[in-house]
Amino acid sequence: MVPSDLEIAQAAELLPIVEIAKKMGLEEEEIDLYGKYKAKIDFERFLERVKDKPNGKYIDVTAITPTPLGEGKTVTSIGLTESLAKIGKNVVLTLREPSLGPVFGIKGGAAGGGYSQVVPMEDLNLHFTGDIHAVGAANNLLAAMIDTSILLGNPLNIDPLTISWRRVVDISDRALRDIVIGLGGRENGYPRQTGYDITVASEVMAILALATSLKDLRERLGRIVVAYTYDGKPVTAEDLKAAGAMTVLLKEALKPNLIQTLEHNPCIMHAGPFANIAHGNNSIVADYVALKCGDYVVTESGFGADMGAEKMMNIKCRYSGLTPDCVVITTTIRALKMHGGAFEARPGKPLDEELVKKENMPALEEGTGNLVKQIENMKLFGVPVVVTINRRTTDTDAEIALVKKLAEQAGVVACVPIEVWAKGGEGGKEAAEAVVAACDQPKDFKYLYPDDASIKEKIEAIATKIYGADGVDYSPLAEQKIKQFTEAGYDKLPICMAKTHLSLSHDPNLKGAPKGYRLPVVDIRPSIGAGFLYPLCGAMRTMPGLPSRPAAVDVDIDENGRTMGLF
């Protein structure tokens, strides 16, 4: 019987973080300690010192379209890191920071699971080093300055009906999605309808993840568009004179956080943008540091390969100048059977374990169409692909063999089952060898679309080539926004599609590799500071709600002050 994730993490013997930093080649003045087991990295000082050192190999872990419970990308990312170390490689892991929304909601935290975890697990899943709070403070400072400017004479001529900037809080709270502010008299502000997003959906978080220096951070924050004037001109954070103070609030948050895996390998955990609204990848500066420290760097892109990995290639790689040497697509037998119609998986509801455990070869073969499409998606970028199967005890040898055969027919370097959740690094050494071999293969990296393509050409490239749609239908509002953004010069920015993560399409009920549909684009919104436009493919929630039985009900403190129930 494997203990709970929390029990495993609490029983772990951690090395002092100064030892992990020394192992990576960081010097004492290049880290700021946050207690004994966490530190921030002075990345600009470090990168200047090692600027002539070559980069290591860059590995991106992604997945098929998951069930609502996820298919273990973080477990795979951590386990692959442990396994690469087991076969003698110098490896560094980079991950996103977890939001409190999932921690206390449905999915849980972002520390991995079983014997494939990063630690200290409690710290990083709760307040960590305060980065997400700093993002919230910067976001809400800008919101307060908008409303103050309107109330006190409106010198920028802001049309209140055009304000798109919302306040944030890092707890799932559906009651805050749509609210009215400014009630109670003039001293309380100008009454208007607005709402809250969860903090990790803020454009400030996306900016933190994409900024390449403190100077770049300052410039990006200044470019944030928050509203329009009565004569249609954009109003920015720079116009409101808010960007400087926002940068000060984020100065320490821009420094990547250093922690460790259960097997004492370094993990740089930094930034946490949503993958269905924003680009869903950890920070560029974390990867810059890791690639100078490790011969191999494992990073992770959120949700399926059509989501975070596509956005890594088309957005993150554009701004970082980095390109991956290998993509790892993780999958599970249960998710493939779901895609084949063996059972339904609904957010907030447990899976039917009886159906999950039953061998169902026709459903498995049908569902593998999703895996094959995601392999095709990653090969569009000219990068070698490895598939890993997160093996459960109920998976049969016949099921594993079928997925392996179909994946290899789709052109992967290898398809390998892993057992890193139960065995740590020992459970993924074959996969680690396959990844090393893939990284040694030649790559021919290319973006899906050029910078100078039109907004519609970029959207349609993603819709048809990645999602498999027949075409795109634009609402009148989306058409208006395309015209507006093109005239403003924003058409040169990359596209960050906002859609469900539960299907390759816009419809979460369409499983497998759907065909014969058209992608609806109902609106397009600007994230000019982050540096992308995001089309909305249907209604998108930027503030989750808690389920009927949130994970928070299981969390408590025992009589010795020890956390209980955190996974």
Protein backbone atom coordinates (compact mmCIF):
# COMPACT_ATOMS: atom_id res chain seq x y z
CA MET A 1 0.00 0.00 0.00
CA VAL A 2 1.55 3.30 -1.13
CA PRO A 3 1.18 6.06 1.50
CA SER A 4 -0.62 9.28 0.60
CA ASP A 5 1.27 12.01 -1.26
CA LEU A 6 1.37 14.12 1.89
CA GLU A 7 2.67 11.24 4.03
CA ILE A 8 5.43 10.54 1.49
CA ALA A 9 6.40 14.22 1.36
CA GLN A 10 6.37 14.63 5.15
CA ALA A 11 8.55 11.54 5.58
CA ALA A 12 11.14 12.74 3.07
CA GLU A 13 14.59 13.83 4.22
CA LEU A 14 15.34 17.07 2.39
CA LEU A 15 18.78 18.43 1.70
CA PRO A 16 19.43 22.07 2.64
CA ILE A 17 18.68 24.15 -0.45
CA VAL A 18 22.19 25.60 -0.37
CA GLU A 19 23.46 22.10 -1.23
CA ILE A 20 21.08 21.83 -4.18
CA ALA A 21 22.20 25.27 -5.38
CA LYS A 22 25.87 24.28 -5.08
CA LYS A 23 25.20 21.09 -7.04
CA MET A 24 23.74 23.26 -9.84
CA GLY A 25 26.73 25.59 -9.94
CA LEU A 26 25.04 28.56 -8.29
CA GLU A 27 27.22 30.74 -6.08
CA GLU A 28 26.24 31.94 -2.60
CA GLU A 29 25.51 35.52 -3.68
CA GLU A 30 23.25 34.25 -6.49
CA ILE A 31 20.58 32.84 -4.15
CA ASP A 32 18.32 34.41 -1.53
CA LEU A 33 17.20 31.90 1.11
CA TYR A 34 13.51 31.54 2.05
CA GLY A 35 14.05 29.28 5.04
CA LYS A 36 16.10 26.10 4.86
CA TYR A 37 14.53 24.40 1.85
CA LYS A 38 13.53 27.21 -0.55
CA ALA A 39 15.49 29.94 -2.29
CA LYS A 40 15.15 32.57 -4.98
CA ILE A 41 17.73 32.84 -7.74
CA ASP A 42 19.27 36.16 -8.75
CA PHE A 43 19.00 35.12 -12.38
CA GLU A 44 20.40 38.28 -13.98
CA ARG A 45 23.60 38.08 -11.91
CA PHE A 46 23.94 34.34 -12.62
CA LEU A 47 23.22 34.58 -16.35
CA GLU A 48 25.77 37.34 -16.78
CA ARG A 49 28.43 35.14 -15.14
CA VAL A 50 27.71 32.08 -17.31
CA LYS A 51 26.70 33.82 -20.55
CA ASP A 52 29.34 31.95 -22.57
CA LYS A 53 28.34 28.51 -21.29
CA PRO A 54 26.37 26.41 -23.82
CA ASN A 55 22.76 25.44 -23.10
CA GLY A 56 21.71 21.93 -22.20
CA LYS A 57 19.08 19.87 -24.03
CA TYR A 58 15.51 21.17 -23.67
CA ILE A 59 12.67 18.64 -23.12
CA ASP A 60 8.98 19.60 -23.01
CA VAL A 61 6.50 17.25 -21.31
CA THR A 62 2.90 17.48 -22.52
CA ALA A 63 -0.04 15.09 -22.82
CA ILE A 64 -3.02 13.82 -24.70
CA THR A 65 -6.37 15.49 -24.02
CA PRO A 66 -6.85 14.54 -20.35
CA THR A 67 -9.75 13.43 -18.23
CA PRO A 68 -10.83 16.12 -15.70
CA LEU A 69 -8.56 14.42 -13.14
CA GLY A 70 -5.44 14.89 -15.28
CA GLU A 71 -3.13 12.19 -16.62
CA GLY A 72 0.05 12.83 -14.66
CA LYS A 73 2.11 15.34 -16.64
CA THR A 74 3.71 16.65 -13.48
CA VAL A 75 4.31 13.13 -12.19
CA THR A 76 5.91 12.31 -15.55
CA SER A 77 8.00 15.50 -15.57
CA ILE A 78 9.33 14.88 -12.07
CA GLY A 79 9.76 11.15 -12.62
CA LEU A 80 11.62 11.69 -15.89
CA THR A 81 13.94 14.11 -14.09
CA GLU A 82 14.66 11.49 -11.42
CA SER A 83 15.17 8.82 -14.08
CA LEU A 84 17.59 10.94 -16.12
CA ALA A 85 19.61 11.43 -12.94
CA LYS A 86 19.47 7.67 -12.30
CA ILE A 87 21.15 7.01 -15.66
CA GLY A 88 23.88 9.51 -14.83
CA LYS A 89 22.65 12.71 -16.47
CA ASN A 90 22.98 16.22 -15.02
CA VAL A 91 19.34 17.32 -15.07
CA VAL A 92 17.24 20.28 -13.88
CA LEU A 93 13.44 20.42 -13.73
CA THR A 94 11.33 23.55 -14.33
CA LEU A 95 7.64 23.72 -13.35
CA ARG A 96 4.80 26.20 -12.88
CA GLU A 97 3.72 27.32 -9.41
CA PRO A 98 0.35 25.96 -8.17
CA SER A 99 -2.70 28.13 -7.63
CA LEU A 100 -4.72 27.82 -4.43
CA GLY A 101 -7.84 27.41 -6.61
CA PRO A 102 -7.12 23.81 -7.67
CA VAL A 103 -5.44 23.03 -4.32
CA PHE A 104 -8.71 23.60 -2.45
CA GLY A 105 -11.00 22.70 -5.37
CA ILE A 106 -11.12 19.60 -7.59
CA LYS A 107 -7.72 18.71 -8.96
CA GLY A 108 -5.32 19.19 -6.08
CA GLY A 109 -1.85 20.66 -6.08
CA ALA A 110 1.06 20.75 -8.45
CA ALA A 111 3.74 18.85 -6.57
CA GLY A 112 3.38 15.59 -8.51
CA GLY A 113 2.37 12.47 -6.63
CA GLY A 114 3.49 9.21 -5.07
CA TYR A 115 7.27 8.89 -5.24
CA SER A 116 7.47 11.41 -8.05
CA GLN A 117 7.12 14.69 -6.13
CA VAL A 118 8.84 17.99 -5.50
CA VAL A 119 9.23 19.23 -1.94
CA PRO A 120 8.57 20.96 0.46
CA MET A 121 5.11 19.94 -0.73
CA GLU A 122 3.05 21.88 1.82
CA ASP A 123 4.91 25.14 1.27
CA LEU A 124 4.80 25.13 -2.52
CA ASN A 125 1.10 24.23 -2.64
CA LEU A 126 0.13 26.98 -0.20
CA HIS A 127 1.85 30.38 -0.05
CA PHE A 128 5.31 29.29 -1.29
CA THR A 129 7.49 32.42 -1.63
CA GLY A 130 4.58 34.81 -2.17
CA ASP A 131 4.87 35.21 -5.94
CA ILE A 132 1.16 34.72 -6.61
CA HIS A 133 0.26 37.20 -3.87
CA ALA A 134 2.62 39.73 -5.49
CA VAL A 135 0.88 39.19 -8.84
CA GLY A 136 -2.47 39.79 -7.14
CA ALA A 137 -1.24 42.96 -5.46
CA ALA A 138 0.14 44.38 -8.72
CA ASN A 139 -3.04 43.48 -10.61
CA ASN A 140 -5.30 45.06 -7.96
CA LEU A 141 -3.18 48.18 -7.64
CA LEU A 142 -3.77 48.81 -11.34
CA ALA A 143 -7.52 48.17 -10.88
CA ALA A 144 -7.67 50.66 -8.01
CA MET A 145 -5.81 53.29 -10.02
CA ILE A 146 -8.26 52.92 -12.92
CA ASP A 147 -11.29 53.57 -10.71
CA THR A 148 -9.56 56.40 -8.86
CA SER A 149 -8.67 58.11 -12.13
CA ILE A 150 -12.28 57.98 -13.32
CA LEU A 151 -13.66 59.28 -10.02
CA LEU A 152 -11.17 62.14 -9.68
CA GLY A 153 -11.84 64.04 -12.88
CA ASN A 154 -11.18 61.28 -15.43
CA PRO A 155 -8.14 63.07 -16.95
CA LEU A 156 -7.53 60.21 -19.41
CA ASN A 157 -11.12 60.42 -20.76
CA ILE A 158 -11.71 56.71 -19.99
CA ASP A 159 -15.03 55.27 -21.11
CA PRO A 160 -16.08 53.16 -18.06
CA LEU A 161 -18.03 50.79 -20.29
CA THR A 162 -14.80 49.71 -22.01
CA ILE A 163 -12.82 48.78 -18.88
CA SER A 164 -11.61 45.18 -19.27
CA TRP A 165 -9.23 45.04 -16.27
CA ARG A 166 -10.70 43.00 -13.41
CA ARG A 167 -9.60 42.39 -9.85
CA VAL A 168 -8.20 39.01 -8.80
CA VAL A 169 -8.05 36.67 -5.83
CA ASP A 170 -6.33 33.26 -5.70
CA ILE A 171 -9.28 31.29 -4.35
CA SER A 172 -12.05 29.75 -6.45
CA ASP A 173 -15.06 31.94 -5.66
CA ARG A 174 -17.88 31.89 -8.21
CA ALA A 175 -19.83 34.57 -6.30
CA LEU A 176 -17.23 37.12 -7.43
CA ARG A 177 -17.46 36.39 -11.16
CA ASP A 178 -19.87 39.25 -11.85
CA ILE A 179 -20.27 42.08 -9.33
CA VAL A 180 -21.11 45.77 -9.07
CA ILE A 181 -18.56 48.07 -7.42
CA GLY A 182 -18.70 51.69 -6.28
CA LEU A 183 -21.99 51.48 -4.38
CA GLY A 184 -22.66 53.54 -1.26
CA GLY A 185 -22.04 57.07 -2.44
CA ARG A 186 -19.50 59.16 -4.31
CA GLU A 187 -16.67 58.56 -1.87
CA ASN A 188 -16.78 54.85 -2.76
CA GLY A 189 -16.15 55.37 -6.48
CA TYR A 190 -17.99 55.28 -9.79
CA PRO A 191 -20.59 52.47 -9.83
CA ARG A 192 -20.02 49.95 -12.60
CA GLN A 193 -20.29 46.25 -13.33
CA THR A 194 -17.08 44.22 -13.19
CA GLY A 195 -15.83 40.99 -11.60
CA TYR A 196 -12.96 38.96 -10.23
CA ASP A 197 -10.68 36.46 -11.95
CA ILE A 198 -8.49 33.91 -10.23
CA THR A 199 -5.01 35.41 -9.82
CA VAL A 200 -3.23 33.00 -12.15
CA ALA A 201 -5.57 34.10 -14.98
CA SER A 202 -4.31 37.69 -14.68
CA GLU A 203 -2.32 39.13 -17.56
CA VAL A 204 0.24 40.10 -14.92
CA MET A 205 0.95 36.41 -14.35
CA ALA A 206 1.38 35.83 -18.09
CA ILE A 207 3.76 38.79 -18.21
CA LEU A 208 5.76 37.45 -15.26
CA ALA A 209 6.18 34.16 -17.12
CA LEU A 210 7.24 35.75 -20.42
CA ALA A 211 9.47 38.59 -19.19
CA THR A 212 13.16 38.01 -19.91
CA SER A 213 14.57 40.66 -17.55
CA LEU A 214 13.49 43.26 -15.03
CA LYS A 215 13.64 45.90 -17.79
CA ASP A 216 11.46 43.72 -20.04
CA LEU A 217 9.00 43.22 -17.17
CA ARG A 218 8.70 46.98 -16.68
CA GLU A 219 8.07 47.57 -20.38
CA ARG A 220 5.49 44.79 -20.67
CA LEU A 221 3.55 46.03 -17.64
CA GLY A 222 3.45 49.50 -19.19
CA ARG A 223 1.89 48.11 -22.38
CA ILE A 224 -1.12 46.53 -20.63
CA VAL A 225 -4.33 47.83 -22.22
CA VAL A 226 -7.03 48.27 -19.56
CA ALA A 227 -9.74 50.31 -21.34
CA TYR A 228 -10.43 52.73 -24.18
CA THR A 229 -11.16 56.44 -24.25
CA TYR A 230 -14.47 57.86 -25.44
CA ASP A 231 -12.84 58.38 -28.85
CA GLY A 232 -11.59 54.80 -29.07
CA LYS A 233 -7.92 55.12 -28.10
CA PRO A 234 -6.35 52.44 -25.86
CA VAL A 235 -5.56 53.32 -22.24
CA THR A 236 -2.50 51.58 -20.81
CA ALA A 237 -0.98 51.01 -17.41
CA GLU A 238 1.73 53.44 -18.49
CA ASP A 239 -0.92 56.11 -19.14
CA LEU A 240 -2.20 55.58 -15.60
CA LYS A 241 1.37 55.80 -14.26
CA ALA A 242 0.85 52.43 -12.54
CA ALA A 243 3.51 50.31 -14.27
CA GLY A 244 6.44 51.51 -12.16
CA ALA A 245 4.82 50.63 -8.84
CA MET A 246 3.62 47.31 -10.28
CA THR A 247 7.20 46.48 -11.24
CA VAL A 248 8.39 47.27 -7.72
CA LEU A 249 5.78 44.88 -6.32
CA LEU A 250 6.97 42.16 -8.73
CA LYS A 251 10.73 42.71 -8.45
CA GLU A 252 11.30 39.75 -6.11
CA ALA A 253 8.58 37.66 -7.74
CA LEU A 254 10.52 37.77 -11.03
CA LYS A 255 13.34 35.79 -9.41
CA PRO A 256 12.82 32.02 -9.97
CA ASN A 257 12.27 29.73 -6.97
CA LEU A 258 14.56 26.80 -6.25
CA ILE A 259 13.33 23.63 -4.51
CA GLN A 260 14.13 19.90 -4.89
CA THR A 261 12.67 16.56 -5.87
CA LEU A 262 12.30 13.64 -3.47
CA GLU A 263 15.57 12.28 -4.88
CA HIS A 264 17.36 15.61 -4.34
CA ASN A 265 17.44 16.83 -7.94
CA PRO A 266 16.96 20.58 -8.52
CA CYS A 267 13.58 22.00 -9.48
CA ILE A 268 13.06 25.63 -10.47
CA MET A 269 9.36 26.35 -9.90
CA HIS A 270 8.27 29.73 -11.17
CA ALA A 271 5.15 31.51 -12.50
CA GLY A 272 1.79 29.85 -13.10
CA PRO A 273 -0.28 31.17 -16.03
CA PHE A 274 -3.47 29.30 -16.94
CA ALA A 275 -3.15 27.06 -20.02
CA ASN A 276 -6.70 27.50 -21.31
CA ILE A 277 -6.67 31.33 -21.06
CA ALA A 278 -2.97 32.23 -21.09
CA HIS A 279 -0.01 30.21 -22.41
CA GLY A 280 0.31 27.67 -19.60
CA ASN A 281 4.09 27.39 -19.15
CA ASN A 282 6.60 28.22 -16.43
CA SER A 283 8.77 31.31 -16.75
CA ILE A 284 11.32 31.95 -19.46
CA VAL A 285 13.90 33.06 -16.89
CA ALA A 286 13.56 29.73 -15.04
CA ASP A 287 14.42 27.91 -18.25
CA TYR A 288 17.30 30.30 -19.00
CA VAL A 289 18.86 29.44 -15.63
CA ALA A 290 18.15 25.71 -15.87
CA LEU A 291 19.68 25.40 -19.34
CA LYS A 292 22.94 26.90 -18.07
CA CYS A 293 22.98 24.55 -15.06
CA GLY A 294 21.87 21.22 -16.52
CA ASP A 295 22.89 19.11 -19.49
CA TYR A 296 19.18 18.19 -19.70
CA VAL A 297 16.24 20.38 -18.69
CA VAL A 298 12.75 18.95 -18.28
CA THR A 299 9.87 21.44 -18.45
CA GLU A 300 6.11 20.99 -18.61
CA SER A 301 3.32 22.58 -20.66
CA GLY A 302 -0.22 22.71 -19.27
CA PHE A 303 -3.09 20.44 -20.38
CA GLY A 304 -2.90 18.60 -23.74
CA ALA A 305 -0.42 19.18 -26.55
CA ASP A 306 -3.07 21.24 -28.39
CA MET A 307 -3.03 23.69 -25.47
CA GLY A 308 0.12 24.39 -23.45
CA ALA A 309 2.60 22.76 -25.84
CA GLU A 310 1.23 24.57 -28.91
CA LYS A 311 1.46 27.83 -26.95
CA MET A 312 4.98 27.01 -25.81
CA MET A 313 6.09 26.58 -29.41
CA ASN A 314 4.26 29.56 -30.90
CA ILE A 315 4.46 32.04 -27.99
CA LYS A 316 7.06 31.13 -25.37
CA CYS A 317 9.70 30.03 -27.90
CA ARG A 318 9.19 33.24 -29.88
CA TYR A 319 9.97 35.41 -26.85
CA SER A 320 12.67 33.22 -25.30
CA GLY A 321 14.61 32.31 -28.43
CA LEU A 322 14.72 28.72 -27.13
CA THR A 323 13.46 25.65 -28.98
CA PRO A 324 12.89 22.15 -27.53
CA ASP A 325 15.06 19.21 -28.51
CA CYS A 326 12.37 16.64 -27.67
CA VAL A 327 8.68 16.52 -26.74
CA VAL A 328 7.34 13.87 -24.35
CA ILE A 329 3.61 13.15 -24.64
CA THR A 330 2.27 11.38 -21.58
CA THR A 331 -0.91 9.32 -21.64
CA THR A 332 -2.88 6.80 -19.62
CA ILE A 333 -4.85 3.77 -20.66
CA ARG A 334 -7.90 5.07 -18.78
CA ALA A 335 -7.91 8.39 -20.68
CA LEU A 336 -7.59 6.65 -24.03
CA LYS A 337 -10.51 4.35 -23.16
CA MET A 338 -12.54 7.44 -22.22
CA HIS A 339 -11.78 8.96 -25.61
CA GLY A 340 -12.93 5.71 -27.19
CA GLY A 341 -16.34 5.94 -25.47
CA ALA A 342 -15.87 3.34 -22.73
CA PHE A 343 -17.08 5.78 -20.05
CA GLU A 344 -17.78 9.45 -19.42
CA ALA A 345 -15.60 11.69 -17.30
CA ARG A 346 -17.22 14.80 -15.83
CA PRO A 347 -15.49 17.59 -13.89
CA GLY A 348 -16.08 17.23 -10.15
CA LYS A 349 -17.30 13.63 -10.42
CA PRO A 350 -15.21 10.51 -9.71
CA LEU A 351 -14.53 8.12 -12.56
CA ASP A 352 -16.41 4.82 -12.73
CA GLU A 353 -13.61 2.62 -11.44
CA GLU A 354 -15.27 -0.56 -12.67
CA LEU A 355 -15.22 0.71 -16.24
CA VAL A 356 -11.71 2.13 -15.86
CA LYS A 357 -10.33 -1.23 -14.74
CA LYS A 358 -12.00 -3.39 -17.41
CA GLU A 359 -9.97 -4.28 -20.48
CA ASN A 360 -11.73 -2.77 -23.50
CA MET A 361 -9.57 -3.10 -26.59
CA PRO A 362 -12.06 -1.63 -29.13
CA ALA A 363 -12.52 1.51 -27.02
CA LEU A 364 -8.78 1.76 -26.43
CA GLU A 365 -7.98 1.52 -30.13
CA GLU A 366 -10.65 4.11 -30.96
CA GLY A 367 -9.42 6.47 -28.25
CA THR A 368 -5.82 6.22 -29.37
CA GLY A 369 -6.84 8.52 -32.22
CA ASN A 370 -6.41 11.38 -29.76
CA LEU A 371 -2.83 10.32 -29.01
CA VAL A 372 -2.02 9.97 -32.70
CA LYS A 373 -3.38 13.48 -33.40
CA GLN A 374 -1.32 14.97 -30.57
CA ILE A 375 1.79 13.23 -31.95
CA GLU A 376 1.03 14.76 -35.36
CA ASN A 377 0.57 18.16 -33.69
CA MET A 378 4.02 18.09 -32.10
CA LYS A 379 5.70 16.79 -35.25
CA LEU A 380 4.37 19.87 -37.08
CA PHE A 381 7.00 21.83 -35.14
CA GLY A 382 9.82 19.59 -36.36
CA VAL A 383 10.74 18.12 -32.97
CA PRO A 384 11.32 14.41 -32.10
CA VAL A 385 8.53 12.87 -29.97
CA VAL A 386 8.57 10.24 -27.21
CA VAL A 387 5.35 8.83 -25.70
CA THR A 388 5.20 7.66 -22.08
CA ILE A 389 2.32 5.62 -20.66
CA ASN A 390 1.68 6.36 -16.99
CA ARG A 391 1.05 2.75 -16.09
CA ARG A 392 -1.50 1.78 -13.45
CA THR A 393 -1.69 -1.64 -11.80
CA THR A 394 -4.94 -2.42 -13.67
CA ASP A 395 -3.42 -1.81 -17.13
CA THR A 396 -2.88 -5.06 -19.01
CA ASP A 397 0.10 -6.04 -21.15
CA ALA A 398 -2.21 -6.26 -24.17
CA GLU A 399 -3.41 -2.68 -23.64
CA ILE A 400 0.16 -1.39 -23.32
CA ALA A 401 1.22 -3.31 -26.44
CA LEU A 402 -1.63 -1.86 -28.52
CA VAL A 403 -0.85 1.75 -27.57
CA LYS A 404 2.85 1.16 -28.15
CA LYS A 405 2.19 -0.25 -31.63
CA LEU A 406 -0.11 2.60 -32.71
CA ALA A 407 2.20 5.29 -31.32
CA GLU A 408 5.21 3.83 -33.11
CA GLN A 409 3.21 3.70 -36.34
CA ALA A 410 2.56 7.43 -35.86
CA GLY A 411 6.32 8.07 -35.96
CA VAL A 412 7.49 8.50 -32.36
CA VAL A 413 11.07 7.77 -31.36
CA ALA A 414 9.75 5.41 -28.67
CA CYS A 415 6.64 4.61 -26.64
CA VAL A 416 7.51 3.48 -23.13
CA PRO A 417 5.42 2.60 -20.04
CA ILE A 418 6.61 4.29 -16.84
CA GLU A 419 5.96 3.57 -13.15
CA VAL A 420 7.50 6.65 -11.59
CA TRP A 421 4.51 7.30 -9.31
CA ALA A 422 5.16 4.03 -7.47
CA LYS A 423 8.92 3.66 -7.97
CA GLY A 424 10.36 7.15 -8.44
CA GLY A 425 13.36 7.39 -10.76
CA GLU A 426 13.75 3.61 -10.94
CA GLY A 427 10.38 3.44 -12.69
CA GLY A 428 11.34 5.50 -15.73
CA LYS A 429 14.90 4.63 -16.73
CA GLU A 430 13.85 3.13 -20.07
CA ALA A 431 11.94 6.32 -20.87
CA ALA A 432 14.97 8.40 -19.84
CA GLU A 433 17.17 6.47 -22.26
CA ALA A 434 14.58 7.04 -25.01
CA VAL A 435 14.51 10.79 -24.29
CA VAL A 436 18.31 11.01 -24.45
CA ALA A 437 18.21 9.23 -27.81
CA ALA A 438 15.48 11.58 -29.05
CA CYS A 439 17.48 14.65 -27.99
CA ASP A 440 20.40 13.38 -30.09
CA GLN A 441 18.24 13.24 -33.21
CA PRO A 442 18.30 16.21 -35.59
CA LYS A 443 15.44 18.70 -35.22
CA ASP A 444 13.99 21.09 -37.75
CA PHE A 445 12.05 23.46 -35.51
CA LYS A 446 9.52 25.73 -37.17
CA TYR A 447 6.60 27.87 -35.98
CA LEU A 448 3.10 27.06 -37.10
CA TYR A 449 2.66 30.51 -38.66
CA PRO A 450 4.86 33.53 -39.46
CA ASP A 451 4.71 36.78 -37.48
CA ASP A 452 3.40 38.72 -40.46
CA ALA A 453 0.42 36.43 -41.10
CA SER A 454 -2.96 38.08 -40.52
CA ILE A 455 -4.93 37.48 -37.34
CA LYS A 456 -7.35 35.21 -39.21
CA GLU A 457 -4.53 33.26 -40.87
CA LYS A 458 -2.96 32.57 -37.48
CA ILE A 459 -6.25 31.50 -35.89
CA GLU A 460 -7.11 29.28 -38.84
CA ALA A 461 -3.68 27.63 -38.83
CA ILE A 462 -4.19 26.56 -35.21
CA ALA A 463 -7.84 25.55 -35.75
CA THR A 464 -7.26 23.41 -38.82
CA LYS A 465 -3.77 22.04 -38.26
CA ILE A 466 -3.79 21.51 -34.46
CA TYR A 467 -7.49 21.05 -33.60
CA GLY A 468 -8.55 19.32 -36.83
CA ALA A 469 -11.43 21.75 -37.53
CA ASP A 470 -12.76 22.26 -41.04
CA GLY A 471 -12.61 26.03 -40.60
CA VAL A 472 -13.45 28.95 -38.33
CA ASP A 473 -16.66 30.94 -37.85
CA TYR A 474 -16.30 34.47 -36.43
CA SER A 475 -18.99 36.34 -34.53
CA PRO A 476 -19.68 39.98 -35.51
CA LEU A 477 -17.86 41.04 -32.32
CA ALA A 478 -14.79 38.97 -33.27
CA GLU A 479 -14.80 40.50 -36.75
CA GLN A 480 -14.93 43.97 -35.19
CA LYS A 481 -12.02 43.15 -32.88
CA ILE A 482 -9.92 41.79 -35.76
CA LYS A 483 -10.38 45.08 -37.63
CA GLN A 484 -9.65 47.13 -34.50
CA PHE A 485 -6.51 45.18 -33.56
CA THR A 486 -5.18 45.15 -37.10
CA GLU A 487 -5.53 48.93 -37.32
CA ALA A 488 -3.73 49.26 -33.96
CA GLY A 489 -0.81 47.14 -35.20
CA TYR A 490 -1.52 44.24 -32.86
CA ASP A 491 -1.92 41.79 -35.76
CA LYS A 492 1.80 40.95 -35.61
CA LEU A 493 1.37 39.34 -32.16
CA PRO A 494 1.07 35.56 -31.74
CA ILE A 495 -2.27 33.95 -30.94
CA CYS A 496 -3.16 32.35 -27.60
CA MET A 497 -6.38 30.39 -28.09
CA ALA A 498 -8.79 30.25 -25.15
CA LYS A 499 -10.81 27.04 -25.30
CA THR A 500 -11.71 23.98 -23.29
CA HIS A 501 -8.86 21.67 -22.30
CA LEU A 502 -11.20 18.65 -22.30
CA SER A 503 -11.36 18.25 -26.08
CA LEU A 504 -9.24 18.94 -29.13
CA SER A 505 -12.24 21.02 -30.24
CA HIS A 506 -14.14 23.86 -28.54
CA ASP A 507 -16.77 21.40 -27.25
CA PRO A 508 -15.76 19.38 -24.14
CA ASN A 509 -18.19 16.63 -25.18
CA LEU A 510 -16.30 15.89 -28.42
CA LYS A 511 -13.73 13.27 -27.45
CA GLY A 512 -11.05 11.42 -29.41
CA ALA A 513 -9.93 13.25 -32.54
CA PRO A 514 -13.12 14.99 -33.71
CA LYS A 515 -13.63 15.91 -37.37
CA GLY A 516 -16.29 17.62 -39.44
CA TYR A 517 -16.80 20.65 -37.22
CA ARG A 518 -16.05 24.37 -37.42
CA LEU A 519 -14.42 26.31 -34.62
CA PRO A 520 -16.48 29.26 -33.33
CA VAL A 521 -14.58 32.40 -32.28
CA VAL A 522 -16.98 34.55 -30.24
CA ASP A 523 -14.55 37.29 -29.16
CA ILE A 524 -10.88 38.28 -29.29
CA ARG A 525 -9.20 40.04 -26.40
CA PRO A 526 -5.82 41.77 -26.14
CA SER A 527 -2.99 40.86 -23.78
CA ILE A 528 -0.65 43.45 -25.18
CA GLY A 529 1.68 43.45 -22.19
CA ALA A 530 2.05 39.68 -22.32
CA GLY A 531 2.38 39.97 -26.07
CA PHE A 532 -0.50 37.97 -27.55
CA LEU A 533 -4.14 38.12 -28.61
CA TYR A 534 -6.51 35.54 -27.21
CA PRO A 535 -9.56 34.45 -29.19
CA LEU A 536 -12.40 32.99 -27.11
CA CYS A 537 -13.81 29.76 -28.50
CA GLY A 538 -17.03 29.69 -26.49
CA ALA A 539 -17.64 30.80 -22.90
CA MET A 540 -14.45 30.68 -20.82
CA ARG A 541 -14.34 30.76 -17.03
CA THR A 542 -11.56 32.91 -15.58
CA MET A 543 -12.86 32.35 -12.04
CA PRO A 544 -13.45 28.67 -11.16
CA GLY A 545 -16.03 27.58 -8.61
CA LEU A 546 -15.63 25.07 -5.82
CA PRO A 547 -17.23 21.62 -6.28
CA SER A 548 -19.96 20.33 -3.97
CA ARG A 549 -17.25 18.65 -1.90
CA PRO A 550 -14.10 20.77 -2.25
CA ALA A 551 -10.70 19.38 -1.36
CA ALA A 552 -10.57 22.05 1.36
CA VAL A 553 -12.90 20.03 3.60
CA ASP A 554 -10.18 17.38 4.06
CA VAL A 555 -7.44 19.83 5.04
CA ASP A 556 -6.78 20.35 8.74
CA ILE A 557 -4.09 20.58 11.43
CA ASP A 558 -3.43 17.84 13.99
CA GLU A 559 -2.62 18.42 17.66
CA ASN A 560 1.09 18.69 16.83
CA GLY A 561 0.58 21.40 14.20
CA ARG A 562 1.10 18.96 11.32
CA THR A 563 -0.93 19.46 8.13
CA MET A 564 -3.43 16.72 7.28
CA GLY A 565 -5.49 15.98 4.17
CA LEU A 566 -3.41 17.90 1.63
CA PHE A 567 -3.66 15.06 -0.99
